[in-house]
């Protein structure tokens, strides 16, 4: 997938945060967009911790203290977490690009 110059996940997140900061409800309170941002943040943190767990399991196995079954399971979970993260990122960027292409 080729990305337009300056269009990446961080740029999409900044655009979302800038847009969300300006949205107000009828009562004057900011709309609840932080729930989505928190959800994405927790999912990314979970993917990172899964990867760190797999790495520590692999290091333990290399030093002779780990179980090969646990290593394979941890590495598979880390691979799945990374694939899921990349798939979600691709979908978000595709949606962002579709929104940018819309005429006003």
C-alpha atoms as a PDB file:
ATOM      1  CA  UNK A   1       0.000   0.000   0.000  1.00  0.00           C
ATOM      2  CA  UNK A   2       1.479   3.323  -0.976  1.00  0.00           C
ATOM      3  CA  UNK A   3       0.858   6.268   1.269  1.00  0.00           C
ATOM      4  CA  UNK A   4       0.571   9.855   0.154  1.00  0.00           C
ATOM      5  CA  UNK A   5       3.398  12.105   1.361  1.00  0.00           C
ATOM      6  CA  UNK A   6       2.814  13.087   4.972  1.00  0.00           C
ATOM      7  CA  UNK A   7      -0.002  10.558   5.385  1.00  0.00           C
ATOM      8  CA  UNK A   8       0.830   8.094   8.088  1.00  0.00           C
ATOM      9  CA  UNK A   9      -0.753   6.777  11.269  1.00  0.00           C
ATOM     10  CA  UNK A  10       0.666   9.582  13.399  1.00  0.00           C
ATOM     11  CA  UNK A  11      -0.641  12.198  10.963  1.00  0.00           C
ATOM     12  CA  UNK A  12      -4.057  10.570  10.916  1.00  0.00           C
ATOM     13  CA  UNK A  13      -4.138  10.512  14.719  1.00  0.00           C
ATOM     14  CA  UNK A  14      -3.138  14.200  14.908  1.00  0.00           C
ATOM     15  CA  UNK A  15      -5.858  15.078  12.396  1.00  0.00           C
ATOM     16  CA  UNK A  16      -8.399  13.112  14.400  1.00  0.00           C
ATOM     17  CA  UNK A  17      -7.365  14.771  17.663  1.00  0.00           C
ATOM     18  CA  UNK A  18      -7.453  18.252  16.102  1.00  0.00           C
ATOM     19  CA  UNK A  19     -10.883  17.620  14.629  1.00  0.00           C
ATOM     20  CA  UNK A  20     -12.212  16.018  17.794  1.00  0.00           C
ATOM     21  CA  UNK A  21     -10.966  18.898  19.953  1.00  0.00           C
ATOM     22  CA  UNK A  22     -13.209  21.298  18.049  1.00  0.00           C
ATOM     23  CA  UNK A  23     -16.386  19.187  18.165  1.00  0.00           C
ATOM     24  CA  UNK A  24     -18.829  20.256  20.862  1.00  0.00           C
ATOM     25  CA  UNK A  25     -22.173  18.800  21.828  1.00  0.00           C
ATOM     26  CA  UNK A  26     -25.288  20.898  22.397  1.00  0.00           C
ATOM     27  CA  UNK A  27     -24.500  21.095  26.116  1.00  0.00           C
ATOM     28  CA  UNK A  28     -21.102  22.638  25.342  1.00  0.00           C
ATOM     29  CA  UNK A  29     -19.077  19.619  26.429  1.00  0.00           C
ATOM     30  CA  UNK A  30     -16.504  18.065  24.152  1.00  0.00           C
ATOM     31  CA  UNK A  31     -17.808  15.007  22.282  1.00  0.00           C
ATOM     32  CA  UNK A  32     -16.709  11.642  23.609  1.00  0.00           C
ATOM     33  CA  UNK A  33     -13.995  10.859  21.088  1.00  0.00           C
ATOM     34  CA  UNK A  34     -11.436  10.075  23.735  1.00  0.00           C
ATOM     35  CA  UNK A  35     -13.045   6.672  24.174  1.00  0.00           C
ATOM     36  CA  UNK A  36     -11.887   5.670  20.697  1.00  0.00           C
ATOM     37  CA  UNK A  37      -8.428   7.113  21.273  1.00  0.00           C
ATOM     38  CA  UNK A  38      -8.161   5.242  24.577  1.00  0.00           C
ATOM     39  CA  UNK A  39      -9.336   2.039  22.920  1.00  0.00           C
ATOM     40  CA  UNK A  40      -6.689   2.323  20.213  1.00  0.00           C
ATOM     41  CA  UNK A  41      -4.034   3.222  22.776  1.00  0.00           C
ATOM     42  CA  UNK A  42      -4.869   0.214  24.933  1.00  0.00           C
ATOM     43  CA  UNK A  43      -4.850  -2.087  21.903  1.00  0.00           C
ATOM     44  CA  UNK A  44      -1.423  -0.823  20.858  1.00  0.00           C
ATOM     45  CA  UNK A  45      -0.095  -1.171  24.398  1.00  0.00           C
ATOM     46  CA  UNK A  46      -1.448  -4.724  24.502  1.00  0.00           C
ATOM     47  CA  UNK A  47       0.325  -5.530  21.219  1.00  0.00           C
ATOM     48  CA  UNK A  48       3.597  -4.109  22.570  1.00  0.00           C
ATOM     49  CA  UNK A  49       3.331  -6.064  25.839  1.00  0.00           C
ATOM     50  CA  UNK A  50       2.542  -9.258  23.894  1.00  0.00           C
ATOM     51  CA  UNK A  51       5.657  -8.701  21.800  1.00  0.00           C
ATOM     52  CA  UNK A  52       7.767  -8.075  24.911  1.00  0.00           C
ATOM     53  CA  UNK A  53       6.429 -11.247  26.498  1.00  0.00           C
ATOM     54  CA  UNK A  54       7.325 -13.267  23.397  1.00  0.00           C
ATOM     55  CA  UNK A  55      10.796 -11.756  23.395  1.00  0.00           C
ATOM     56  CA  UNK A  56      11.385 -12.619  27.049  1.00  0.00           C
ATOM     57  CA  UNK A  57      10.101 -16.172  26.462  1.00  0.00           C
ATOM     58  CA  UNK A  58      12.474 -16.560  23.511  1.00  0.00           C
ATOM     59  CA  UNK A  59      15.428 -15.263  25.524  1.00  0.00           C
ATOM     60  CA  UNK A  60      14.598 -17.691  28.327  1.00  0.00           C
ATOM     61  CA  UNK A  61      14.480 -20.569  25.838  1.00  0.00           C
ATOM     62  CA  UNK A  62      17.806 -19.576  24.313  1.00  0.00           C
ATOM     63  CA  UNK A  63      19.399 -19.580  27.752  1.00  0.00           C
ATOM     64  CA  UNK A  64      17.960 -23.068  28.378  1.00  0.00           C
ATOM     65  CA  UNK A  65      15.400 -22.039  30.988  1.00  0.00           C
ATOM     66  CA  UNK A  66      12.252 -21.836  28.859  1.00  0.00           C
ATOM     67  CA  UNK A  67       9.761 -24.299  27.468  1.00  0.00           C
ATOM     68  CA  UNK A  68       9.625 -24.504  23.679  1.00  0.00           C
ATOM     69  CA  UNK A  69       5.823 -24.816  23.702  1.00  0.00           C
ATOM     70  CA  UNK A  70       5.489 -21.547  25.625  1.00  0.00           C
ATOM     71  CA  UNK A  71       7.898 -19.837  23.248  1.00  0.00           C
ATOM     72  CA  UNK A  72       5.988 -20.935  20.151  1.00  0.00           C
ATOM     73  CA  UNK A  73       2.676 -19.880  21.713  1.00  0.00           C
ATOM     74  CA  UNK A  74       4.029 -16.473  22.761  1.00  0.00           C
ATOM     75  CA  UNK A  75       5.598 -15.817  19.361  1.00  0.00           C
ATOM     76  CA  UNK A  76       2.364 -16.818  17.595  1.00  0.00           C
ATOM     77  CA  UNK A  77       0.378 -14.448  19.810  1.00  0.00           C
ATOM     78  CA  UNK A  78       2.834 -11.633  19.097  1.00  0.00           C
ATOM     79  CA  UNK A  79       2.621 -12.298  15.363  1.00  0.00           C
ATOM     80  CA  UNK A  80      -1.184 -12.230  15.487  1.00  0.00           C
ATOM     81  CA  UNK A  81      -1.156  -8.977  17.496  1.00  0.00           C
ATOM     82  CA  UNK A  82       1.166  -7.362  14.948  1.00  0.00           C
ATOM     83  CA  UNK A  83      -0.923  -8.546  11.987  1.00  0.00           C
ATOM     84  CA  UNK A  84      -4.085  -7.211  13.649  1.00  0.00           C
ATOM     85  CA  UNK A  85      -2.434  -3.862  14.369  1.00  0.00           C
ATOM     86  CA  UNK A  86      -1.256  -3.520  10.772  1.00  0.00           C
ATOM     87  CA  UNK A  87      -4.695  -4.471   9.418  1.00  0.00           C
ATOM     88  CA  UNK A  88      -6.426  -1.886  11.622  1.00  0.00           C
ATOM     89  CA  UNK A  89      -3.864   0.756  10.638  1.00  0.00           C
ATOM     90  CA  UNK A  90      -4.438   0.023   6.955  1.00  0.00           C
ATOM     91  CA  UNK A  91      -8.214   0.302   7.375  1.00  0.00           C
ATOM     92  CA  UNK A  92      -7.932   3.589   9.280  1.00  0.00           C
ATOM     93  CA  UNK A  93      -5.627   5.076   6.655  1.00  0.00           C
ATOM     94  CA  UNK A  94      -7.911   3.915   3.846  1.00  0.00           C
ATOM     95  CA  UNK A  95     -10.905   5.513   5.570  1.00  0.00           C
ATOM     96  CA  UNK A  96      -8.916   8.707   6.144  1.00  0.00           C
ATOM     97  CA  UNK A  97      -7.935   8.824   2.479  1.00  0.00           C
ATOM     98  CA  UNK A  98     -11.575   8.287   1.435  1.00  0.00           C
ATOM     99  CA  UNK A  99     -12.655  11.167   3.661  1.00  0.00           C
ATOM    100  CA  UNK A 100      -9.942  13.440   2.237  1.00  0.00           C
ATOM    101  CA  UNK A 101     -11.115  12.648  -1.318  1.00  0.00           C
ATOM    102  CA  UNK A 102     -14.708  13.681  -0.565  1.00  0.00           C
ATOM    103  CA  UNK A 103     -15.866  16.957  -2.037  1.00  0.00           C
ATOM    104  CA  UNK A 104     -17.400  19.447   0.320  1.00  0.00           C
END
